[in-house]
C-alpha atoms as a PDB file:
ATOM      1  CA  MET A   1      15.285  21.948  32.416  1.00  0.00           C
ATOM      2  CA  ARG A   2      12.553  23.087  34.023  1.00  0.00           C
ATOM      3  CA  ILE A   3      14.344  26.867  34.041  1.00  0.00           C
ATOM      4  CA  ALA A   4      15.120  26.504  30.074  1.00  0.00           C
ATOM      5  CA  LEU A   5      11.243  25.659  29.643  1.00  0.00           C
ATOM      6  CA  GLN A   6      10.110  28.637  31.520  1.00  0.00           C
ATOM      7  CA  MET A   7      12.323  30.624  29.429  1.00  0.00           C
ATOM      8  CA  GLU A   8      11.061  29.249  26.006  1.00  0.00           C
ATOM      9  CA  GLU A   9       7.473  30.150  27.260  1.00  0.00           C
ATOM     10  CA  LYS A  10       8.073  33.592  28.228  1.00  0.00           C
ATOM     11  CA  GLY A  11       9.800  34.103  24.498  1.00  0.00           C
ATOM     12  CA  ARG A  12       6.707  32.230  23.130  1.00  0.00           C
ATOM     13  CA  GLU A  13       4.594  34.861  24.931  1.00  0.00           C
ATOM     14  CA  PHE A  14       6.559  37.817  23.928  1.00  0.00           C
ATOM     15  CA  TYR A  15       7.072  36.861  20.085  1.00  0.00           C
ATOM     16  CA  ARG A  16       3.173  35.957  19.936  1.00  0.00           C
ATOM     17  CA  ARG A  17       2.031  39.372  21.824  1.00  0.00           C
ATOM     18  CA  GLN A  18       4.588  41.004  19.231  1.00  0.00           C
ATOM     19  CA  GLU A  19       3.198  39.542  16.438  1.00  0.00           C
ATOM     20  CA  GLU A  20      -0.466  40.351  17.465  1.00  0.00           C
ATOM     21  CA  ARG A  21       0.615  44.019  17.791  1.00  0.00           C
ATOM     22  CA  TYR A  22       1.907  45.238  14.521  1.00  0.00           C
ATOM     23  CA  ASP A  23      -0.281  44.818  10.930  1.00  0.00           C
ATOM     24  CA  LYS A  24       2.922  45.347   8.607  1.00  0.00           C
ATOM     25  CA  PRO A  25       3.159  41.707   7.413  1.00  0.00           C
ATOM     26  CA  GLU A  26       6.672  41.680   7.272  1.00  0.00           C
ATOM     27  CA  VAL A  27       7.068  42.467  10.819  1.00  0.00           C
ATOM     28  CA  LYS A  28       3.668  39.854  11.926  1.00  0.00           C
ATOM     29  CA  ASP A  29       5.724  37.506   9.731  1.00  0.00           C
ATOM     30  CA  ILE A  30       8.823  37.437  11.992  1.00  0.00           C
ATOM     31  CA  PHE A  31       7.213  37.309  15.376  1.00  0.00           C
ATOM     32  CA  HIS A  32       4.525  34.698  14.140  1.00  0.00           C
ATOM     33  CA  ARG A  33       7.878  32.454  12.964  1.00  0.00           C
ATOM     34  CA  LEU A  34       9.592  32.834  16.539  1.00  0.00           C
ATOM     35  CA  ALA A  35       6.821  32.066  18.236  1.00  0.00           C
ATOM     36  CA  GLY A  36       6.345  28.826  16.354  1.00  0.00           C
ATOM     37  CA  GLU A  37       9.801  27.969  16.793  1.00  0.00           C
ATOM     38  CA  GLU A  38       9.629  28.619  20.712  1.00  0.00           C
ATOM     39  CA  GLU A  39       6.933  26.506  20.934  1.00  0.00           C
ATOM     40  CA  GLU A  40       9.098  23.683  19.474  1.00  0.00           C
ATOM     41  CA  HIS A  41      11.654  24.054  22.081  1.00  0.00           C
ATOM     42  CA  ILE A  42       8.833  24.215  24.448  1.00  0.00           C
ATOM     43  CA  LYS A  43       7.821  20.448  23.003  1.00  0.00           C
ATOM     44  CA  ILE A  44      11.377  19.447  23.292  1.00  0.00           C
ATOM     45  CA  PHE A  45      11.923  20.523  26.822  1.00  0.00           C
ATOM     46  CA  SER A  46       8.724  19.163  28.002  1.00  0.00           C
ATOM     47  CA  HIS A  47      10.181  15.507  26.692  1.00  0.00           C
ATOM     48  CA  LEU A  48      13.337  15.921  27.830  1.00  0.00           C
ATOM     49  CA  LEU A  49      11.571  16.659  31.163  1.00  0.00           C
ATOM     50  CA  GLY A  50       9.187  13.508  30.988  1.00  0.00           C
ATOM     51  CA  GLU A  51      12.210  11.325  30.194  1.00  0.00           C
ATOM     52  CA  LEU A  52      14.702  12.494  32.855  1.00  0.00           C
ATOM     53  CA  GLU A  53      14.432  11.691  36.809  1.00  0.00           C
ATOM     54  CA  ASP A  54      17.788  13.522  37.561  1.00  0.00           C
ATOM     55  CA  ASP A  55      16.989  17.095  36.267  1.00  0.00           C
ATOM     56  CA  ALA A  56      19.323  16.683  33.241  1.00  0.00           C
ATOM     57  CA  GLY A  57      22.340  15.117  35.423  1.00  0.00           C
ATOM     58  CA  ILE A  58      23.283  18.448  36.783  1.00  0.00           C
ATOM     59  CA  ALA A  59      23.921  17.542  40.232  1.00  0.00           C
ATOM     60  CA  GLY A  60      24.807  20.548  42.509  1.00  0.00           C
ATOM     61  CA  GLU A  61      24.098  23.124  39.931  1.00  0.00           C
ATOM     62  CA  GLU A  62      20.900  24.022  40.530  1.00  0.00           C
ATOM     63  CA  GLU A  63      21.247  27.127  42.685  1.00  0.00           C
ATOM     64  CA  TYR A  64      24.247  28.364  40.204  1.00  0.00           C
ATOM     65  CA  LEU A  65      21.404  27.755  37.379  1.00  0.00           C
ATOM     66  CA  GLN A  66      18.800  29.423  39.136  1.00  0.00           C
ATOM     67  CA  THR A  67      20.707  32.727  39.708  1.00  0.00           C
ATOM     68  CA  LEU A  68      21.597  32.642  36.116  1.00  0.00           C
ATOM     69  CA  ALA A  69      18.064  32.070  34.865  1.00  0.00           C
ATOM     70  CA  ASP A  70      16.653  34.687  37.345  1.00  0.00           C
ATOM     71  CA  LEU A  71      19.230  37.439  35.965  1.00  0.00           C
ATOM     72  CA  PHE A  72      17.528  36.914  32.209  1.00  0.00           C
ATOM     73  CA  ARG A  73      14.056  36.426  33.566  1.00  0.00           C
ATOM     74  CA  LEU A  74      11.829  39.104  32.643  1.00  0.00           C
ATOM     75  CA  PRO A  75       9.643  39.746  35.345  1.00  0.00           C
ATOM     76  CA  GLU A  76       6.862  40.491  33.119  1.00  0.00           C
ATOM     77  CA  LEU A  77       6.844  41.214  29.476  1.00  0.00           C
ATOM     78  CA  PRO A  78       8.033  44.801  28.656  1.00  0.00           C
ATOM     79  CA  ALA A  79       6.709  47.610  27.275  1.00  0.00           C
ATOM     80  CA  VAL A  80       7.677  48.361  23.747  1.00  0.00           C
ATOM     81  CA  ASP A  81       8.119  51.562  21.892  1.00  0.00           C
ATOM     82  CA  GLY A  82       7.788  49.857  18.410  1.00  0.00           C
ATOM     83  CA  PRO A  83       9.121  46.967  16.388  1.00  0.00           C
ATOM     84  CA  ALA A  84      12.778  47.738  16.464  1.00  0.00           C
ATOM     85  CA  ASP A  85      12.259  48.218  20.369  1.00  0.00           C
ATOM     86  CA  ALA A  86      10.691  44.896  19.884  1.00  0.00           C
ATOM     87  CA  LEU A  87      13.282  43.096  17.818  1.00  0.00           C
ATOM     88  CA  ALA A  88      15.976  44.631  19.933  1.00  0.00           C
ATOM     89  CA  ILE A  89      14.225  42.599  23.246  1.00  0.00           C
ATOM     90  CA  GLY A  90      14.364  39.993  20.859  1.00  0.00           C
ATOM     91  CA  ILE A  91      17.761  39.678  20.448  1.00  0.00           C
ATOM     92  CA  GLN A  92      18.762  40.029  23.901  1.00  0.00           C
ATOM     93  CA  MET A  93      16.284  37.232  24.894  1.00  0.00           C
ATOM     94  CA  GLU A  94      17.929  35.169  22.348  1.00  0.00           C
ATOM     95  CA  LYS A  95      21.790  35.821  23.661  1.00  0.00           C
ATOM     96  CA  ASP A  96      20.518  35.332  27.000  1.00  0.00           C
ATOM     97  CA  ALA A  97      19.226  31.838  26.218  1.00  0.00           C
ATOM     98  CA  ILE A  98      22.545  31.020  24.160  1.00  0.00           C
ATOM     99  CA  LEU A  99      24.590  31.926  27.031  1.00  0.00           C
ATOM    100  CA  PHE A 100      22.055  29.584  29.445  1.00  0.00           C
ATOM    101  CA  TYR A 101      21.789  26.941  27.186  1.00  0.00           C
ATOM    102  CA  SER A 102      25.513  27.052  27.198  1.00  0.00           C
ATOM    103  CA  GLU A 103      25.756  26.511  30.700  1.00  0.00           C
ATOM    104  CA  LEU A 104      23.523  23.755  30.956  1.00  0.00           C
ATOM    105  CA  TYR A 105      25.486  21.950  28.389  1.00  0.00           C
ATOM    106  CA  SER A 106      28.716  22.363  29.967  1.00  0.00           C
ATOM    107  CA  LYS A 107      27.105  21.354  33.303  1.00  0.00           C
ATOM    108  CA  THR A 108      25.311  17.981  31.856  1.00  0.00           C
ATOM    109  CA  ASP A 109      26.421  14.402  32.054  1.00  0.00           C
ATOM    110  CA  SER A 110      23.286  13.344  29.954  1.00  0.00           C
ATOM    111  CA  GLU A 111      24.284  12.773  26.359  1.00  0.00           C
ATOM    112  CA  LYS A 112      20.674  13.174  25.369  1.00  0.00           C
ATOM    113  CA  VAL A 113      20.329  16.536  27.059  1.00  0.00           C
ATOM    114  CA  LYS A 114      23.770  17.609  25.286  1.00  0.00           C
ATOM    115  CA  GLU A 115      22.193  16.514  21.862  1.00  0.00           C
ATOM    116  CA  ALA A 116      19.193  18.272  22.715  1.00  0.00           C
ATOM    117  CA  LEU A 117      20.497  21.487  23.985  1.00  0.00           C
ATOM    118  CA  SER A 118      23.274  21.426  20.860  1.00  0.00           C
ATOM    119  CA  ARG A 119      20.277  21.400  18.377  1.00  0.00           C
ATOM    120  CA  LEU A 120      18.640  24.017  20.363  1.00  0.00           C
ATOM    121  CA  LEU A 121      21.674  26.608  20.489  1.00  0.00           C
ATOM    122  CA  GLU A 122      22.136  26.116  16.546  1.00  0.00           C
ATOM    123  CA  GLU A 123      18.636  27.430  16.609  1.00  0.00           C
ATOM    124  CA  GLU A 124      18.838  30.255  19.136  1.00  0.00           C
ATOM    125  CA  LYS A 125      21.798  31.372  16.980  1.00  0.00           C
ATOM    126  CA  LYS A 126      19.680  31.359  13.995  1.00  0.00           C
ATOM    127  CA  HIS A 127      17.147  33.322  15.810  1.00  0.00           C
ATOM    128  CA  LEU A 128      20.078  35.689  17.043  1.00  0.00           C
ATOM    129  CA  VAL A 129      21.025  36.515  13.232  1.00  0.00           C
ATOM    130  CA  GLU A 130      17.371  36.526  12.010  1.00  0.00           C
ATOM    131  CA  LEU A 131      16.508  39.241  14.364  1.00  0.00           C
ATOM    132  CA  ARG A 132      19.635  41.396  13.634  1.00  0.00           C
ATOM    133  CA  GLU A 133      19.008  41.218   9.916  1.00  0.00           C
ATOM    134  CA  SER A 134      15.172  42.185  10.469  1.00  0.00           C
ATOM    135  CA  MET A 135      16.477  45.319  12.894  1.00  0.00           C
ATOM    136  CA  GLU A 136      18.737  46.380  10.174  1.00  0.00           C
ATOM    137  CA  GLU A 137      15.956  46.322   7.218  1.00  0.00           C
ATOM    138  CA  LEU A 138      13.621  48.465   9.583  1.00  0.00           C
ATOM    139  CA  SER A 139      16.435  51.075   9.605  1.00  0.00           C
END
């Protein structure tokens, strides 16, 4: 769960930087909304971490999940060439989150964690669709 929290924090940071970077209201609004939704995900994971003693009931899978997270993690926020590039990076981040949360879901024994991950997966899928639609509008 700590890895998921870090992924959401990185996403929030990326979206906030993009919001600050652009003047076009519709572009700013996209990134503002996404940063706010990532903040909500951070609260969910922080709450779950406070309640769980065995880190989501995923015994013996920590190394695999860490490796998976390392593959997805941006070492630092990438340079962005414009709104379309920022949206493309956002799309990749959301796809990575969907895959990672799906893996967490399949590995946990905790019903509470599964319920939270299920809700988060639906939100990440919505983000993916929103980002794709926004990219098409910019084209």
